[in-house]
Amino acid sequence: GQLKDVITRLNRLMFDARAIEKKKYALT
């Protein structure tokens, strides 16, 4: 399979999750 595409998407998901977590802590 296309390992590069899957890893890139996983990295993007982790980045978005961290951004949401930081935004939550900033708002609260």
mmCIF file of all heavy atoms, coordinates in Angstrom:
data_MODEL
# 
_entry.id   MODEL 
# 
loop_
_atom_site.group_PDB 
_atom_site.id 
_atom_site.type_symbol 
_atom_site.label_atom_id 
_atom_site.label_alt_id 
_atom_site.label_comp_id 
_atom_site.label_asym_id 
_atom_site.label_entity_id 
_atom_site.label_seq_id 
_atom_site.pdbx_PDB_ins_code 
_atom_site.Cartn_x 
_atom_site.Cartn_y 
_atom_site.Cartn_z 
_atom_site.occupancy 
_atom_site.B_iso_or_equiv 
_atom_site.pdbx_formal_charge 
_atom_site.auth_seq_id 
_atom_site.auth_comp_id 
_atom_site.auth_asym_id 
_atom_site.auth_atom_id 
_atom_site.pdbx_PDB_model_num 
ATOM 1   N N   . GLY A 1 1  ? 0.821   -1.203 0.000  1.00 0.00 ? 1  GLY A N   1 
ATOM 2   C CA  . GLY A 1 1  ? 0.000   0.000  0.000  1.00 0.00 ? 1  GLY A CA  1 
ATOM 3   C C   . GLY A 1 1  ? 0.858   1.257  0.000  1.00 0.00 ? 1  GLY A C   1 
ATOM 4   O O   . GLY A 1 1  ? 2.090   1.188  0.014  1.00 0.00 ? 1  GLY A O   1 
ATOM 5   N N   . GLN A 1 2  ? 0.181   2.402  -0.033 1.00 0.00 ? 2  GLN A N   1 
ATOM 6   C CA  . GLN A 1 2  ? 0.858   3.688  -0.082 1.00 0.00 ? 2  GLN A CA  1 
ATOM 7   C C   . GLN A 1 2  ? 1.187   4.137  1.356  1.00 0.00 ? 2  GLN A C   1 
ATOM 8   O O   . GLN A 1 2  ? 0.423   4.861  2.003  1.00 0.00 ? 2  GLN A O   1 
ATOM 9   C CB  . GLN A 1 2  ? -0.032  4.725  -0.781 1.00 0.00 ? 2  GLN A CB  1 
ATOM 10  C CG  . GLN A 1 2  ? -0.348  4.391  -2.220 1.00 0.00 ? 2  GLN A CG  1 
ATOM 11  C CD  . GLN A 1 2  ? 0.899   4.368  -3.090 1.00 0.00 ? 2  GLN A CD  1 
ATOM 12  O OE1 . GLN A 1 2  ? 1.813   5.179  -2.884 1.00 0.00 ? 2  GLN A OE1 1 
ATOM 13  N NE2 . GLN A 1 2  ? 0.936   3.474  -4.060 1.00 0.00 ? 2  GLN A NE2 1 
ATOM 14  N N   . LEU A 1 3  ? 2.322   3.679  1.845  1.00 0.00 ? 3  LEU A N   1 
ATOM 15  C CA  . LEU A 1 3  ? 2.696   3.970  3.224  1.00 0.00 ? 3  LEU A CA  1 
ATOM 16  C C   . LEU A 1 3  ? 2.933   5.456  3.439  1.00 0.00 ? 3  LEU A C   1 
ATOM 17  O O   . LEU A 1 3  ? 2.565   6.010  4.477  1.00 0.00 ? 3  LEU A O   1 
ATOM 18  C CB  . LEU A 1 3  ? 3.943   3.177  3.592  1.00 0.00 ? 3  LEU A CB  1 
ATOM 19  C CG  . LEU A 1 3  ? 4.456   3.360  5.029  1.00 0.00 ? 3  LEU A CG  1 
ATOM 20  C CD1 . LEU A 1 3  ? 3.406   2.902  6.027  1.00 0.00 ? 3  LEU A CD1 1 
ATOM 21  C CD2 . LEU A 1 3  ? 5.757   2.593  5.228  1.00 0.00 ? 3  LEU A CD2 1 
ATOM 22  N N   . LYS A 1 4  ? 3.540   6.125  2.463  1.00 0.00 ? 4  LYS A N   1 
ATOM 23  C CA  . LYS A 1 4  ? 3.844   7.549  2.616  1.00 0.00 ? 4  LYS A CA  1 
ATOM 24  C C   . LYS A 1 4  ? 2.567   8.359  2.824  1.00 0.00 ? 4  LYS A C   1 
ATOM 25  O O   . LYS A 1 4  ? 2.506   9.237  3.693  1.00 0.00 ? 4  LYS A O   1 
ATOM 26  C CB  . LYS A 1 4  ? 4.594   8.055  1.387  1.00 0.00 ? 4  LYS A CB  1 
ATOM 27  C CG  . LYS A 1 4  ? 4.876   9.566  1.425  1.00 0.00 ? 4  LYS A CG  1 
ATOM 28  C CD  . LYS A 1 4  ? 5.586   10.012 0.174  1.00 0.00 ? 4  LYS A CD  1 
ATOM 29  C CE  . LYS A 1 4  ? 5.801   11.527 0.209  1.00 0.00 ? 4  LYS A CE  1 
ATOM 30  N NZ  . LYS A 1 4  ? 4.515   12.258 0.203  1.00 0.00 ? 4  LYS A NZ  1 
ATOM 31  N N   . ASP A 1 5  ? 1.531   8.091  2.029  1.00 0.00 ? 5  ASP A N   1 
ATOM 32  C CA  . ASP A 1 5  ? 0.286   8.841  2.159  1.00 0.00 ? 5  ASP A CA  1 
ATOM 33  C C   . ASP A 1 5  ? -0.370  8.602  3.514  1.00 0.00 ? 5  ASP A C   1 
ATOM 34  O O   . ASP A 1 5  ? -0.888  9.536  4.143  1.00 0.00 ? 5  ASP A O   1 
ATOM 35  C CB  . ASP A 1 5  ? -0.684  8.439  1.044  1.00 0.00 ? 5  ASP A CB  1 
ATOM 36  C CG  . ASP A 1 5  ? -0.177  8.836  -0.329 1.00 0.00 ? 5  ASP A CG  1 
ATOM 37  O OD1 . ASP A 1 5  ? 0.680   9.747  -0.385 1.00 0.00 ? 5  ASP A OD1 1 
ATOM 38  O OD2 . ASP A 1 5  ? -0.614  8.234  -1.327 1.00 0.00 ? 5  ASP A OD2 1 
ATOM 39  N N   . VAL A 1 6  ? -0.335  7.354  3.982  1.00 0.00 ? 6  VAL A N   1 
ATOM 40  C CA  . VAL A 1 6  ? -0.949  7.043  5.271  1.00 0.00 ? 6  VAL A CA  1 
ATOM 41  C C   . VAL A 1 6  ? -0.203  7.741  6.408  1.00 0.00 ? 6  VAL A C   1 
ATOM 42  O O   . VAL A 1 6  ? -0.817  8.297  7.327  1.00 0.00 ? 6  VAL A O   1 
ATOM 43  C CB  . VAL A 1 6  ? -0.988  5.516  5.488  1.00 0.00 ? 6  VAL A CB  1 
ATOM 44  C CG1 . VAL A 1 6  ? -1.525  5.183  6.879  1.00 0.00 ? 6  VAL A CG1 1 
ATOM 45  C CG2 . VAL A 1 6  ? -1.852  4.847  4.429  1.00 0.00 ? 6  VAL A CG2 1 
ATOM 46  N N   . ILE A 1 7  ? 1.134   7.722  6.364  1.00 0.00 ? 7  ILE A N   1 
ATOM 47  C CA  . ILE A 1 7  ? 1.925   8.379  7.415  1.00 0.00 ? 7  ILE A CA  1 
ATOM 48  C C   . ILE A 1 7  ? 1.699   9.884  7.401  1.00 0.00 ? 7  ILE A C   1 
ATOM 49  O O   . ILE A 1 7  ? 1.588   10.523 8.455  1.00 0.00 ? 7  ILE A O   1 
ATOM 50  C CB  . ILE A 1 7  ? 3.417   8.042  7.226  1.00 0.00 ? 7  ILE A CB  1 
ATOM 51  C CG1 . ILE A 1 7  ? 3.656   6.548  7.495  1.00 0.00 ? 7  ILE A CG1 1 
ATOM 52  C CG2 . ILE A 1 7  ? 4.281   8.869  8.161  1.00 0.00 ? 7  ILE A CG2 1 
ATOM 53  C CD1 . ILE A 1 7  ? 5.068   6.120  7.266  1.00 0.00 ? 7  ILE A CD1 1 
ATOM 54  N N   . THR A 1 8  ? 1.613   10.461 6.202  1.00 0.00 ? 8  THR A N   1 
ATOM 55  C CA  . THR A 1 8  ? 1.364   11.906 6.100  1.00 0.00 ? 8  THR A CA  1 
ATOM 56  C C   . THR A 1 8  ? 0.014   12.272 6.699  1.00 0.00 ? 8  THR A C   1 
ATOM 57  O O   . THR A 1 8  ? -0.117  13.270 7.421  1.00 0.00 ? 8  THR A O   1 
ATOM 58  C CB  . THR A 1 8  ? 1.417   12.338 4.626  1.00 0.00 ? 8  THR A CB  1 
ATOM 59  O OG1 . THR A 1 8  ? 2.698   11.996 4.073  1.00 0.00 ? 8  THR A OG1 1 
ATOM 60  C CG2 . THR A 1 8  ? 1.208   13.838 4.501  1.00 0.00 ? 8  THR A CG2 1 
ATOM 61  N N   . ARG A 1 9  ? -1.002  11.454 6.411  1.00 0.00 ? 9  ARG A N   1 
ATOM 62  C CA  . ARG A 1 9  ? -2.333  11.730 6.975  1.00 0.00 ? 9  ARG A CA  1 
ATOM 63  C C   . ARG A 1 9  ? -2.327  11.556 8.485  1.00 0.00 ? 9  ARG A C   1 
ATOM 64  O O   . ARG A 1 9  ? -2.964  12.348 9.209  1.00 0.00 ? 9  ARG A O   1 
ATOM 65  C CB  . ARG A 1 9  ? -3.360  10.792 6.341  1.00 0.00 ? 9  ARG A CB  1 
ATOM 66  C CG  . ARG A 1 9  ? -3.612  11.078 4.862  1.00 0.00 ? 9  ARG A CG  1 
ATOM 67  C CD  . ARG A 1 9  ? -4.568  10.081 4.263  1.00 0.00 ? 9  ARG A CD  1 
ATOM 68  N NE  . ARG A 1 9  ? -4.753  10.294 2.834  1.00 0.00 ? 9  ARG A NE  1 
ATOM 69  C CZ  . ARG A 1 9  ? -5.490  9.515  2.051  1.00 0.00 ? 9  ARG A CZ  1 
ATOM 70  N NH1 . ARG A 1 9  ? -6.112  8.457  2.580  1.00 0.00 ? 9  ARG A NH1 1 
ATOM 71  N NH2 . ARG A 1 9  ? -5.613  9.773  0.777  1.00 0.00 ? 9  ARG A NH2 1 
ATOM 72  N N   . LEU A 1 10 ? -1.634  10.547 8.980  1.00 0.00 ? 10 LEU A N   1 
ATOM 73  C CA  . LEU A 1 10 ? -1.541  10.339 10.422 1.00 0.00 ? 10 LEU A CA  1 
ATOM 74  C C   . LEU A 1 10 ? -0.857  11.520 11.095 1.00 0.00 ? 10 LEU A C   1 
ATOM 75  O O   . LEU A 1 10 ? -1.303  11.987 12.158 1.00 0.00 ? 10 LEU A O   1 
ATOM 76  C CB  . LEU A 1 10 ? -0.769  9.048  10.716 1.00 0.00 ? 10 LEU A CB  1 
ATOM 77  C CG  . LEU A 1 10 ? -0.485  8.740  12.200 1.00 0.00 ? 10 LEU A CG  1 
ATOM 78  C CD1 . LEU A 1 10 ? -1.775  8.604  12.982 1.00 0.00 ? 10 LEU A CD1 1 
ATOM 79  C CD2 . LEU A 1 10 ? 0.353   7.474  12.325 1.00 0.00 ? 10 LEU A CD2 1 
ATOM 80  N N   . ASN A 1 11 ? 0.203   12.011 10.489 1.00 0.00 ? 11 ASN A N   1 
ATOM 81  C CA  . ASN A 1 11 ? 0.906   13.169 11.038 1.00 0.00 ? 11 ASN A CA  1 
ATOM 82  C C   . ASN A 1 11 ? -0.007  14.397 11.056 1.00 0.00 ? 11 ASN A C   1 
ATOM 83  O O   . ASN A 1 11 ? -0.009  15.173 12.023 1.00 0.00 ? 11 ASN A O   1 
ATOM 84  C CB  . ASN A 1 11 ? 2.156   13.451 10.208 1.00 0.00 ? 11 ASN A CB  1 
ATOM 85  C CG  . ASN A 1 11 ? 3.121   14.372 10.920 1.00 0.00 ? 11 ASN A CG  1 
ATOM 86  O OD1 . ASN A 1 11 ? 2.952   14.689 12.082 1.00 0.00 ? 11 ASN A OD1 1 
ATOM 87  N ND2 . ASN A 1 11 ? 4.140   14.812 10.218 1.00 0.00 ? 11 ASN A ND2 1 
ATOM 88  N N   . ARG A 1 12 ? -0.793  14.558 10.008 1.00 0.00 ? 12 ARG A N   1 
ATOM 89  C CA  . ARG A 1 12 ? -1.706  15.694 9.951  1.00 0.00 ? 12 ARG A CA  1 
ATOM 90  C C   . ARG A 1 12 ? -2.788  15.591 11.026 1.00 0.00 ? 12 ARG A C   1 
ATOM 91  O O   . ARG A 1 12 ? -3.154  16.594 11.668 1.00 0.00 ? 12 ARG A O   1 
ATOM 92  C CB  . ARG A 1 12 ? -2.354  15.768 8.563  1.00 0.00 ? 12 ARG A CB  1 
ATOM 93  C CG  . ARG A 1 12 ? -3.220  17.005 8.362  1.00 0.00 ? 12 ARG A CG  1 
ATOM 94  C CD  . ARG A 1 12 ? -2.384  18.262 8.465  1.00 0.00 ? 12 ARG A CD  1 
ATOM 95  N NE  . ARG A 1 12 ? -3.213  19.468 8.490  1.00 0.00 ? 12 ARG A NE  1 
ATOM 96  C CZ  . ARG A 1 12 ? -2.739  20.682 8.651  1.00 0.00 ? 12 ARG A CZ  1 
ATOM 97  N NH1 . ARG A 1 12 ? -1.432  20.863 8.831  1.00 0.00 ? 12 ARG A NH1 1 
ATOM 98  N NH2 . ARG A 1 12 ? -3.536  21.714 8.676  1.00 0.00 ? 12 ARG A NH2 1 
ATOM 99  N N   . LEU A 1 13 ? -3.306  14.387 11.233 1.00 0.00 ? 13 LEU A N   1 
ATOM 100 C CA  . LEU A 1 13 ? -4.322  14.184 12.261 1.00 0.00 ? 13 LEU A CA  1 
ATOM 101 C C   . LEU A 1 13 ? -3.765  14.487 13.648 1.00 0.00 ? 13 LEU A C   1 
ATOM 102 O O   . LEU A 1 13 ? -4.437  15.103 14.486 1.00 0.00 ? 13 LEU A O   1 
ATOM 103 C CB  . LEU A 1 13 ? -4.840  12.747 12.198 1.00 0.00 ? 13 LEU A CB  1 
ATOM 104 C CG  . LEU A 1 13 ? -5.767  12.401 11.028 1.00 0.00 ? 13 LEU A CG  1 
ATOM 105 C CD1 . LEU A 1 13 ? -6.080  10.910 11.029 1.00 0.00 ? 13 LEU A CD1 1 
ATOM 106 C CD2 . LEU A 1 13 ? -7.055  13.212 11.092 1.00 0.00 ? 13 LEU A CD2 1 
ATOM 107 N N   . MET A 1 14 ? -2.529  14.061 13.908 1.00 0.00 ? 14 MET A N   1 
ATOM 108 C CA  . MET A 1 14 ? -1.908  14.347 15.200 1.00 0.00 ? 14 MET A CA  1 
ATOM 109 C C   . MET A 1 14 ? -1.710  15.849 15.386 1.00 0.00 ? 14 MET A C   1 
ATOM 110 O O   . MET A 1 14 ? -1.925  16.386 16.472 1.00 0.00 ? 14 MET A O   1 
ATOM 111 C CB  . MET A 1 14 ? -0.572  13.614 15.317 1.00 0.00 ? 14 MET A CB  1 
ATOM 112 C CG  . MET A 1 14 ? -0.687  12.109 15.421 1.00 0.00 ? 14 MET A CG  1 
ATOM 113 S SD  . MET A 1 14 ? 0.925   11.343 15.619 1.00 0.00 ? 14 MET A SD  1 
ATOM 114 C CE  . MET A 1 14 ? 1.480   12.111 17.131 1.00 0.00 ? 14 MET A CE  1 
ATOM 115 N N   . PHE A 1 15 ? -1.309  16.533 14.323 1.00 0.00 ? 15 PHE A N   1 
ATOM 116 C CA  . PHE A 1 15 ? -1.115  17.986 14.410 1.00 0.00 ? 15 PHE A CA  1 
ATOM 117 C C   . PHE A 1 15 ? -2.438  18.686 14.708 1.00 0.00 ? 15 PHE A C   1 
ATOM 118 O O   . PHE A 1 15 ? -2.509  19.583 15.555 1.00 0.00 ? 15 PHE A O   1 
ATOM 119 C CB  . PHE A 1 15 ? -0.521  18.501 13.099 1.00 0.00 ? 15 PHE A CB  1 
ATOM 120 C CG  . PHE A 1 15 ? -0.366  19.997 13.056 1.00 0.00 ? 15 PHE A CG  1 
ATOM 121 C CD1 . PHE A 1 15 ? 0.708   20.617 13.669 1.00 0.00 ? 15 PHE A CD1 1 
ATOM 122 C CD2 . PHE A 1 15 ? -1.309  20.778 12.403 1.00 0.00 ? 15 PHE A CD2 1 
ATOM 123 C CE1 . PHE A 1 15 ? 0.844   22.001 13.637 1.00 0.00 ? 15 PHE A CE1 1 
ATOM 124 C CE2 . PHE A 1 15 ? -1.179  22.161 12.362 1.00 0.00 ? 15 PHE A CE2 1 
ATOM 125 C CZ  . PHE A 1 15 ? -0.101  22.770 12.980 1.00 0.00 ? 15 PHE A CZ  1 
ATOM 126 N N   . ASP A 1 16 ? -3.512  18.262 14.022 1.00 0.00 ? 16 ASP A N   1 
ATOM 127 C CA  . ASP A 1 16 ? -4.813  18.876 14.261 1.00 0.00 ? 16 ASP A CA  1 
ATOM 128 C C   . ASP A 1 16 ? -5.304  18.597 15.681 1.00 0.00 ? 16 ASP A C   1 
ATOM 129 O O   . ASP A 1 16 ? -5.898  19.470 16.329 1.00 0.00 ? 16 ASP A O   1 
ATOM 130 C CB  . ASP A 1 16 ? -5.831  18.345 13.247 1.00 0.00 ? 16 ASP A CB  1 
ATOM 131 C CG  . ASP A 1 16 ? -5.526  18.804 11.833 1.00 0.00 ? 16 ASP A CG  1 
ATOM 132 O OD1 . ASP A 1 16 ? -4.801  19.804 11.676 1.00 0.00 ? 16 ASP A OD1 1 
ATOM 133 O OD2 . ASP A 1 16 ? -6.004  18.156 10.873 1.00 0.00 ? 16 ASP A OD2 1 
ATOM 134 N N   . ALA A 1 17 ? -5.065  17.371 16.176 1.00 0.00 ? 17 ALA A N   1 
ATOM 135 C CA  . ALA A 1 17 ? -5.494  17.029 17.532 1.00 0.00 ? 17 ALA A CA  1 
ATOM 136 C C   . ALA A 1 17 ? -4.757  17.884 18.562 1.00 0.00 ? 17 ALA A C   1 
ATOM 137 O O   . ALA A 1 17 ? -5.367  18.364 19.537 1.00 0.00 ? 17 ALA A O   1 
ATOM 138 C CB  . ALA A 1 17 ? -5.254  15.544 17.795 1.00 0.00 ? 17 ALA A CB  1 
ATOM 139 N N   . ARG A 1 18 ? -3.445  18.079 18.375 1.00 0.00 ? 18 ARG A N   1 
ATOM 140 C CA  . ARG A 1 18 ? -2.687  18.922 19.306 1.00 0.00 ? 18 ARG A CA  1 
ATOM 141 C C   . ARG A 1 18 ? -3.149  20.374 19.242 1.00 0.00 ? 18 ARG A C   1 
ATOM 142 O O   . ARG A 1 18 ? -3.212  21.055 20.264 1.00 0.00 ? 18 ARG A O   1 
ATOM 143 C CB  . ARG A 1 18 ? -1.195  18.834 18.996 1.00 0.00 ? 18 ARG A CB  1 
ATOM 144 C CG  . ARG A 1 18 ? -0.559  17.517 19.390 1.00 0.00 ? 18 ARG A CG  1 
ATOM 145 C CD  . ARG A 1 18 ? 0.951   17.674 19.502 1.00 0.00 ? 18 ARG A CD  1 
ATOM 146 N NE  . ARG A 1 18 ? 1.528   18.254 18.303 1.00 0.00 ? 18 ARG A NE  1 
ATOM 147 C CZ  . ARG A 1 18 ? 1.866   17.573 17.213 1.00 0.00 ? 18 ARG A CZ  1 
ATOM 148 N NH1 . ARG A 1 18 ? 1.690   16.264 17.186 1.00 0.00 ? 18 ARG A NH1 1 
ATOM 149 N NH2 . ARG A 1 18 ? 2.391   18.171 16.174 1.00 0.00 ? 18 ARG A NH2 1 
ATOM 150 N N   . ALA A 1 19 ? -3.473  20.837 18.037 1.00 0.00 ? 19 ALA A N   1 
ATOM 151 C CA  . ALA A 1 19 ? -3.947  22.214 17.898 1.00 0.00 ? 19 ALA A CA  1 
ATOM 152 C C   . ALA A 1 19 ? -5.283  22.404 18.621 1.00 0.00 ? 19 ALA A C   1 
ATOM 153 O O   . ALA A 1 19 ? -5.491  23.423 19.298 1.00 0.00 ? 19 ALA A O   1 
ATOM 154 C CB  . ALA A 1 19 ? -4.097  22.568 16.417 1.00 0.00 ? 19 ALA A CB  1 
ATOM 155 N N   . ILE A 1 20 ? -6.174  21.431 18.501 1.00 0.00 ? 20 ILE A N   1 
ATOM 156 C CA  . ILE A 1 20 ? -7.464  21.520 19.195 1.00 0.00 ? 20 ILE A CA  1 
ATOM 157 C C   . ILE A 1 20 ? -7.264  21.472 20.703 1.00 0.00 ? 20 ILE A C   1 
ATOM 158 O O   . ILE A 1 20 ? -7.920  22.203 21.464 1.00 0.00 ? 20 ILE A O   1 
ATOM 159 C CB  . ILE A 1 20 ? -8.386  20.373 18.722 1.00 0.00 ? 20 ILE A CB  1 
ATOM 160 C CG1 . ILE A 1 20 ? -8.758  20.581 17.244 1.00 0.00 ? 20 ILE A CG1 1 
ATOM 161 C CG2 . ILE A 1 20 ? -9.644  20.312 19.579 1.00 0.00 ? 20 ILE A CG2 1 
ATOM 162 C CD1 . ILE A 1 20 ? -9.541  19.442 16.645 1.00 0.00 ? 20 ILE A CD1 1 
ATOM 163 N N   . GLU A 1 21 ? -6.348  20.612 21.167 1.00 0.00 ? 21 GLU A N   1 
ATOM 164 C CA  . GLU A 1 21 ? -6.080  20.505 22.600 1.00 0.00 ? 21 GLU A CA  1 
ATOM 165 C C   . GLU A 1 21 ? -5.532  21.809 23.157 1.00 0.00 ? 21 GLU A C   1 
ATOM 166 O O   . GLU A 1 21 ? -5.959  22.269 24.237 1.00 0.00 ? 21 GLU A O   1 
ATOM 167 C CB  . GLU A 1 21 ? -5.094  19.360 22.845 1.00 0.00 ? 21 GLU A CB  1 
ATOM 168 C CG  . GLU A 1 21 ? -4.930  18.976 24.309 1.00 0.00 ? 21 GLU A CG  1 
ATOM 169 C CD  . GLU A 1 21 ? -6.118  18.234 24.849 1.00 0.00 ? 21 GLU A CD  1 
ATOM 170 O OE1 . GLU A 1 21 ? -6.980  17.803 24.057 1.00 0.00 ? 21 GLU A OE1 1 
ATOM 171 O OE2 . GLU A 1 21 ? -6.191  18.085 26.086 1.00 0.00 ? 21 GLU A OE2 1 
ATOM 172 N N   . LYS A 1 22 ? -4.605  22.420 22.436 1.00 0.00 ? 22 LYS A N   1 
ATOM 173 C CA  . LYS A 1 22 ? -4.046  23.697 22.886 1.00 0.00 ? 22 LYS A CA  1 
ATOM 174 C C   . LYS A 1 22 ? -5.099  24.798 22.875 1.00 0.00 ? 22 LYS A C   1 
ATOM 175 O O   . LYS A 1 22 ? -5.124  25.660 23.764 1.00 0.00 ? 22 LYS A O   1 
ATOM 176 C CB  . LYS A 1 22 ? -2.856  24.081 22.008 1.00 0.00 ? 22 LYS A CB  1 
ATOM 177 C CG  . LYS A 1 22 ? -1.638  23.192 22.189 1.00 0.00 ? 22 LYS A CG  1 
ATOM 178 C CD  . LYS A 1 22 ? -0.487  23.632 21.306 1.00 0.00 ? 22 LYS A CD  1 
ATOM 179 C CE  . LYS A 1 22 ? 0.731   22.754 21.527 1.00 0.00 ? 22 LYS A CE  1 
ATOM 180 N NZ  . LYS A 1 22 ? 1.869   23.160 20.660 1.00 0.00 ? 22 LYS A NZ  1 
ATOM 181 N N   . LYS A 1 23 ? -5.978  24.778 21.885 1.00 0.00 ? 23 LYS A N   1 
ATOM 182 C CA  . LYS A 1 23 ? -7.044  25.775 21.822 1.00 0.00 ? 23 LYS A CA  1 
ATOM 183 C C   . LYS A 1 23 ? -7.995  25.606 22.999 1.00 0.00 ? 23 LYS A C   1 
ATOM 184 O O   . LYS A 1 23 ? -8.445  26.587 23.604 1.00 0.00 ? 23 LYS A O   1 
ATOM 185 C CB  . LYS A 1 23 ? -7.798  25.642 20.503 1.00 0.00 ? 23 LYS A CB  1 
ATOM 186 C CG  . LYS A 1 23 ? -8.883  26.689 20.318 1.00 0.00 ? 23 LYS A CG  1 
ATOM 187 C CD  . LYS A 1 23 ? -9.570  26.547 18.971 1.00 0.00 ? 23 LYS A CD  1 
ATOM 188 C CE  . LYS A 1 23 ? -10.657 27.612 18.801 1.00 0.00 ? 23 LYS A CE  1 
ATOM 189 N NZ  . LYS A 1 23 ? -11.334 27.476 17.478 1.00 0.00 ? 23 LYS A NZ  1 
ATOM 190 N N   . LYS A 1 24 ? -8.282  24.349 23.353 1.00 0.00 ? 24 LYS A N   1 
ATOM 191 C CA  . LYS A 1 24 ? -9.165  24.092 24.491 1.00 0.00 ? 24 LYS A CA  1 
ATOM 192 C C   . LYS A 1 24 ? -8.547  24.627 25.778 1.00 0.00 ? 24 LYS A C   1 
ATOM 193 O O   . LYS A 1 24 ? -9.233  25.278 26.582 1.00 0.00 ? 24 LYS A O   1 
ATOM 194 C CB  . LYS A 1 24 ? -9.426  22.596 24.615 1.00 0.00 ? 24 LYS A CB  1 
ATOM 195 C CG  . LYS A 1 24 ? -10.349 22.233 25.766 1.00 0.00 ? 24 LYS A CG  1 
ATOM 196 C CD  . LYS A 1 24 ? -10.462 20.739 25.938 1.00 0.00 ? 24 LYS A CD  1 
ATOM 197 C CE  . LYS A 1 24 ? -9.215  20.177 26.587 1.00 0.00 ? 24 LYS A CE  1 
ATOM 198 N NZ  . LYS A 1 24 ? -9.373  18.737 26.925 1.00 0.00 ? 24 LYS A NZ  1 
ATOM 199 N N   . TYR A 1 25 ? -7.259  24.368 25.983 1.00 0.00 ? 25 TYR A N   1 
ATOM 200 C CA  . TYR A 1 25 ? -6.592  24.855 27.185 1.00 0.00 ? 25 TYR A CA  1 
ATOM 201 C C   . TYR A 1 25 ? -6.509  26.378 27.200 1.00 0.00 ? 25 TYR A C   1 
ATOM 202 O O   . TYR A 1 25 ? -6.578  27.003 28.265 1.00 0.00 ? 25 TYR A O   1 
ATOM 203 C CB  . TYR A 1 25 ? -5.198  24.246 27.306 1.00 0.00 ? 25 TYR A CB  1 
ATOM 204 C CG  . TYR A 1 25 ? -5.207  22.870 27.920 1.00 0.00 ? 25 TYR A CG  1 
ATOM 205 C CD1 . TYR A 1 25 ? -5.061  21.744 27.140 1.00 0.00 ? 25 TYR A CD1 1 
ATOM 206 C CD2 . TYR A 1 25 ? -5.380  22.701 29.294 1.00 0.00 ? 25 TYR A CD2 1 
ATOM 207 C CE1 . TYR A 1 25 ? -5.085  20.474 27.695 1.00 0.00 ? 25 TYR A CE1 1 
ATOM 208 C CE2 . TYR A 1 25 ? -5.404  21.443 29.862 1.00 0.00 ? 25 TYR A CE2 1 
ATOM 209 C CZ  . TYR A 1 25 ? -5.258  20.333 29.052 1.00 0.00 ? 25 TYR A CZ  1 
ATOM 210 O OH  . TYR A 1 25 ? -5.294  19.085 29.610 1.00 0.00 ? 25 TYR A OH  1 
ATOM 211 N N   . ALA A 1 26 ? -6.336  26.981 26.027 1.00 0.00 ? 26 ALA A N   1 
ATOM 212 C CA  . ALA A 1 26 ? -6.286  28.436 25.969 1.00 0.00 ? 26 ALA A CA  1 
ATOM 213 C C   . ALA A 1 26 ? -7.641  29.053 26.316 1.00 0.00 ? 26 ALA A C   1 
ATOM 214 O O   . ALA A 1 26 ? -7.717  30.066 27.027 1.00 0.00 ? 26 ALA A O   1 
ATOM 215 C CB  . ALA A 1 26 ? -5.852  28.886 24.579 1.00 0.00 ? 26 ALA A CB  1 
ATOM 216 N N   . LEU A 1 27 ? -8.729  28.452 25.842 1.00 0.00 ? 27 LEU A N   1 
ATOM 217 C CA  . LEU A 1 27 ? -10.053 28.987 26.105 1.00 0.00 ? 27 LEU A CA  1 
ATOM 218 C C   . LEU A 1 27 ? -10.479 28.797 27.562 1.00 0.00 ? 27 LEU A C   1 
ATOM 219 O O   . LEU A 1 27 ? -11.287 29.577 28.079 1.00 0.00 ? 27 LEU A O   1 
ATOM 220 C CB  . LEU A 1 27 ? -11.078 28.322 25.175 1.00 0.00 ? 27 LEU A CB  1 
ATOM 221 C CG  . LEU A 1 27 ? -10.945 28.636 23.682 1.00 0.00 ? 27 LEU A CG  1 
ATOM 222 C CD1 . LEU A 1 27 ? -11.944 27.825 22.870 1.00 0.00 ? 27 LEU A CD1 1 
ATOM 223 C CD2 . LEU A 1 27 ? -11.167 30.129 23.425 1.00 0.00 ? 27 LEU A CD2 1 
ATOM 224 N N   . THR A 1 28 ? -9.953  27.755 28.199 1.00 0.00 ? 28 THR A N   1 
ATOM 225 C CA  . THR A 1 28 ? -10.349 27.480 29.593 1.00 0.00 ? 28 THR A CA  1 
ATOM 226 C C   . THR A 1 28 ? -9.276  27.889 30.601 1.00 0.00 ? 28 THR A C   1 
ATOM 227 O O   . THR A 1 28 ? -9.406  27.567 31.776 1.00 0.00 ? 28 THR A O   1 
ATOM 228 C CB  . THR A 1 28 ? -10.650 25.980 29.756 1.00 0.00 ? 28 THR A CB  1 
ATOM 229 O OG1 . THR A 1 28 ? -9.471  25.215 29.432 1.00 0.00 ? 28 THR A OG1 1 
ATOM 230 C CG2 . THR A 1 28 ? -11.789 25.549 28.854 1.00 0.00 ? 28 THR A CG2 1 
# 
